[in-house]
């Protein structure tokens, strides 16, 4: 999926406000088809699919979803 610079900036800002890793934010918006309301719902409820997608985007062993730290080994 091709994201515009504005989309990328908006997702980064969204992630920053929520203290969430950019990889998780990107995965949430992919899963939500860039629907802001659905993205908020996914962020609030959590999603194993988001975690799989997010860790596929990085080599990091830990990502942040709000106040929660998610470790790759637990996925």
Protein backbone atom coordinates (compact mmCIF):
# COMPACT_ATOMS: atom_id res chain seq x y z
CA UNK A 1 0.00 0.00 0.00
CA UNK A 2 1.37 3.39 -0.95
CA UNK A 3 1.05 5.96 1.78
CA UNK A 4 1.42 9.64 1.14
CA UNK A 5 3.78 11.76 3.20
CA UNK A 6 0.74 13.33 4.90
CA UNK A 7 -0.63 9.87 5.81
CA UNK A 8 2.72 8.84 7.27
CA UNK A 9 2.97 12.11 9.22
CA UNK A 10 -0.60 11.71 10.52
CA UNK A 11 0.05 8.12 11.65
CA UNK A 12 3.28 9.16 13.38
CA UNK A 13 1.47 11.98 15.18
CA UNK A 14 -1.35 9.58 16.14
CA UNK A 15 1.23 7.13 17.54
CA UNK A 16 3.07 9.84 19.45
CA UNK A 17 -0.07 11.11 21.15
CA UNK A 18 -0.85 7.56 22.29
CA UNK A 19 2.72 6.61 23.31
CA UNK A 20 2.51 3.80 20.78
CA UNK A 21 5.26 2.45 18.52
CA UNK A 22 4.95 3.63 14.93
CA UNK A 23 4.96 0.02 13.72
CA UNK A 24 1.89 -0.72 15.84
CA UNK A 25 0.17 2.45 14.65
CA UNK A 26 0.89 1.59 11.01
CA UNK A 27 -0.43 -1.95 11.51
CA UNK A 28 -3.58 -0.63 13.19
CA UNK A 29 -4.29 1.73 10.29
CA UNK A 30 -3.62 -1.01 7.75
CA UNK A 31 -6.05 -3.32 9.52
CA UNK A 32 -8.60 -0.48 9.78
CA UNK A 33 -8.21 0.45 6.10
CA UNK A 34 -7.18 3.93 7.32
CA UNK A 35 -10.57 4.45 9.01
CA UNK A 36 -9.83 6.69 12.03
CA UNK A 37 -12.84 5.48 14.05
CA UNK A 38 -12.03 1.82 13.49
CA UNK A 39 -8.35 2.50 14.26
CA UNK A 40 -9.35 3.99 17.62
CA UNK A 41 -11.47 0.93 18.35
CA UNK A 42 -8.64 -1.46 17.47
CA UNK A 43 -6.20 0.55 19.58
CA UNK A 44 -8.57 0.42 22.56
CA UNK A 45 -9.44 -3.26 22.28
CA UNK A 46 -6.12 -4.70 21.10
CA UNK A 47 -5.50 -7.17 18.30
CA UNK A 48 -3.19 -10.14 17.82
CA UNK A 49 -3.18 -9.45 14.07
CA UNK A 50 -1.85 -5.93 14.71
CA UNK A 51 0.99 -7.35 16.77
CA UNK A 52 1.93 -9.86 14.06
CA UNK A 53 1.95 -7.12 11.42
CA UNK A 54 3.83 -4.67 13.64
CA UNK A 55 6.65 -7.06 14.50
CA UNK A 56 6.94 -8.01 10.82
CA UNK A 57 7.84 -4.35 10.16
CA UNK A 58 10.83 -4.24 12.52
CA UNK A 59 13.68 -6.16 14.08
CA UNK A 60 12.91 -4.66 17.49
CA UNK A 61 12.28 -7.08 20.33
CA UNK A 62 9.88 -4.70 22.13
CA UNK A 63 7.12 -2.40 20.95
CA UNK A 64 4.88 -0.09 22.92
CA UNK A 65 1.08 -0.03 22.84
CA UNK A 66 0.14 2.83 25.10
CA UNK A 67 1.37 1.99 28.59
CA UNK A 68 1.97 -1.65 27.70
CA UNK A 69 5.28 -3.06 26.45
CA UNK A 70 4.88 -5.98 24.06
CA UNK A 71 7.80 -8.37 23.62
CA UNK A 72 8.35 -10.25 20.38
CA UNK A 73 8.93 -13.51 22.26
CA UNK A 74 5.35 -13.33 23.59
CA UNK A 75 3.75 -13.13 20.16
